[in-house]
Protein backbone atom coordinates (compact mmCIF):
# COMPACT_ATOMS: atom_id res chain seq x y z
CA MET A 1 -0.04 -0.18 -0.05
CA SER A 2 1.47 3.37 -0.68
CA ILE A 3 -0.02 6.81 0.51
CA THR A 4 -0.06 10.62 -0.25
CA THR A 5 -0.96 13.80 1.28
CA THR A 6 -2.46 16.53 -1.03
CA THR A 7 -3.16 20.28 0.65
CA HIS A 8 -6.69 20.97 0.01
CA LEU A 9 -7.76 24.69 0.28
CA ASN A 10 -11.11 26.28 0.57
CA PHE A 11 -12.54 29.07 -0.70
CA ARG A 12 -15.49 31.08 -0.97
CA GLY A 13 -15.88 31.17 -4.99
CA GLN A 14 -12.73 31.99 -5.84
CA ALA A 15 -11.51 27.96 -5.97
CA ARG A 16 -11.65 27.94 -9.67
CA ALA A 17 -9.72 31.14 -10.39
CA ALA A 18 -6.84 29.62 -7.76
CA LEU A 19 -6.65 26.31 -9.55
CA GLU A 20 -6.38 27.83 -12.98
CA HIS A 21 -3.71 30.15 -11.49
CA TYR A 22 -1.95 27.16 -9.96
CA ALA A 23 -2.16 25.14 -13.05
CA ALA A 24 -0.50 28.43 -14.97
CA VAL A 25 2.41 28.55 -12.04
CA PHE A 26 3.14 24.77 -11.69
CA GLY A 27 1.84 23.31 -14.90
CA GLY A 28 -0.64 20.62 -15.30
CA GLU A 29 -4.53 20.68 -15.77
CA VAL A 30 -7.32 21.98 -13.62
CA ARG A 31 -9.86 18.80 -12.84
CA SER A 32 -13.19 19.86 -11.25
CA PHE A 33 -16.74 19.39 -10.67
CA THR A 34 -19.09 21.94 -9.90
CA PHE A 35 -22.18 21.45 -7.02
CA ALA A 36 -23.97 21.24 -10.28
CA GLN A 37 -22.65 18.00 -11.46
CA GLY A 38 -21.96 16.33 -7.94
CA GLY A 39 -23.52 18.39 -4.96
CA THR A 40 -25.85 16.93 -2.05
CA ASP A 41 -28.88 18.05 -0.32
CA ARG A 42 -26.53 19.03 2.40
CA ASP A 43 -24.95 21.05 -0.17
CA ARG A 44 -28.28 22.49 -1.50
CA ALA A 45 -29.46 23.34 2.02
CA ASP A 46 -26.31 25.38 2.46
CA GLY A 47 -27.03 27.47 -0.47
CA ALA A 48 -24.23 25.89 -2.80
CA VAL A 49 -23.66 28.02 -5.96
CA ASP A 50 -24.25 25.62 -8.90
CA ASP A 51 -21.25 26.57 -10.90
CA GLN A 52 -18.94 26.90 -7.87
CA ILE A 53 -16.22 24.14 -7.32
CA ILE A 54 -17.31 21.04 -4.79
CA TRP A 55 -14.01 18.94 -6.07
CA GLY A 56 -11.14 20.13 -8.18
CA GLY A 57 -7.39 19.61 -8.13
CA VAL A 58 -4.29 20.52 -10.01
CA THR A 59 -1.45 17.50 -10.51
CA SER A 60 1.45 18.88 -12.35
CA PRO A 61 3.93 16.27 -14.42
CA ALA A 62 6.76 17.27 -11.94
CA GLY A 63 4.32 15.85 -9.13
CA PHE A 64 2.59 19.16 -7.58
CA SER A 65 -0.49 18.68 -6.55
CA ILE A 66 -3.18 20.58 -4.86
CA MET A 67 -6.80 20.68 -4.33
CA ALA A 68 -9.69 23.32 -3.82
CA PHE A 69 -13.21 23.32 -3.10
CA ASP A 70 -15.72 26.45 -2.93
CA VAL A 71 -17.43 26.48 0.79
CA PRO A 72 -21.05 26.99 0.40
CA PRO A 73 -22.79 30.26 1.46
CA GLY A 74 -24.60 29.02 4.32
CA ARG A 75 -21.70 27.15 5.96
CA ALA A 76 -19.46 28.68 8.47
CA TYR A 77 -15.84 29.74 6.65
CA ASP A 78 -13.20 32.22 7.98
CA GLN A 79 -10.06 31.67 6.30
CA GLY A 80 -8.14 32.85 9.06
CA PHE A 81 -4.57 34.79 9.37
CA ASP A 82 -1.69 32.54 8.98
CA SER A 83 -3.86 29.23 9.40
CA LEU A 84 -1.70 27.07 6.92
CA TYR A 85 1.41 27.19 4.73
CA VAL A 86 1.58 25.27 1.51
CA SER A 87 5.50 24.22 1.53
CA VAL A 88 6.75 23.85 -2.23
CA ARG A 89 10.54 22.27 -2.09
CA GLY A 90 12.55 21.40 -4.87
CA ASP A 91 15.93 20.84 -6.04
CA ASP A 92 16.07 23.49 -8.87
CA ALA A 93 16.63 27.02 -7.91
CA ASP A 94 15.35 28.61 -11.51
CA GLU A 95 12.11 26.26 -10.98
CA ILE A 96 11.56 27.38 -7.60
CA THR A 97 12.30 31.07 -8.53
CA ARG A 98 9.74 30.84 -11.42
CA PHE A 99 6.84 29.25 -9.10
CA PHE A 100 7.58 32.08 -6.38
CA ARG A 101 7.42 34.85 -9.00
CA GLY A 102 4.19 33.36 -10.86
CA LEU A 103 2.37 32.98 -7.36
CA ALA A 104 3.74 36.75 -6.30
CA GLU A 105 1.92 38.02 -9.51
CA GLY A 106 -0.88 40.34 -7.51
CA GLY A 107 0.44 38.61 -3.97
CA THR A 108 2.26 40.25 -1.26
CA VAL A 109 5.82 38.92 -0.87
CA ARG A 110 6.32 38.23 3.17
CA ALA A 111 9.96 37.05 2.75
CA ASP A 112 12.23 38.12 -0.42
CA LEU A 113 13.62 35.03 -2.08
CA GLY A 114 17.08 34.64 -1.49
CA PRO A 115 19.82 32.36 0.70
CA ALA A 116 18.25 31.10 4.56
CA GLY A 117 20.47 29.53 7.21
CA PHE A 118 18.64 26.48 6.23
CA SER A 119 18.22 26.71 2.40
CA SER A 120 20.59 28.31 -0.26
CA LEU A 121 16.99 29.90 -1.49
CA TYR A 122 14.03 30.41 0.37
CA GLY A 123 11.00 32.66 0.29
CA MET A 124 7.29 33.33 1.26
CA VAL A 125 4.26 34.74 -0.89
CA THR A 126 0.90 35.17 0.34
CA ASP A 127 -0.85 35.12 -3.24
CA ARG A 128 -3.64 36.89 -4.45
CA PHE A 129 -6.34 34.41 -3.36
CA GLY A 130 -4.81 34.60 0.20
CA VAL A 131 -2.98 31.52 0.45
CA THR A 132 0.29 31.98 1.92
CA TRP A 133 3.37 29.81 0.39
CA ALA A 134 6.82 29.05 1.92
CA LEU A 135 9.24 28.15 -1.08
CA ASP A 136 12.94 26.45 -0.73
CA VAL A 137 15.34 24.84 -2.63
CA ILE A 138 16.25 21.30 -0.61
CA THR A 139 19.90 21.15 0.39
CA PRO A 140 21.56 18.29 2.40
CA SER A 141 21.24 20.25 5.50
CA THR A 142 17.30 20.02 4.88
CA TRP A 143 15.17 17.28 4.99
């Protein structure tokens, strides 16, 4: 048996746009189902919007994977502040730089991309959808 974990992000009406952005940054295709295609009675009771995403994701050929969902209006939702970081780690500085720049478009750089004590290249950015990303190059001293 094998197992993987995938970060699953929740949005309020922005899941499709976020997934399209992540596919443009990391590669891969958006796969998604709307509430109209697969919503439940509970979703309808919570005011689900038919064309919003009940299940969506992006998986890139390089192995990047993320999922997203639009929380229906009738359900409590609070993105919070710093409730999570999505960590993207790789061994190619040019690729990490490209990802960082793509995520920074319309977002806020929290830590400029540069050397850090634990990595030859590290940066943090909150993208235009409010998701904070920590990107770094894996070096022998990092796990």
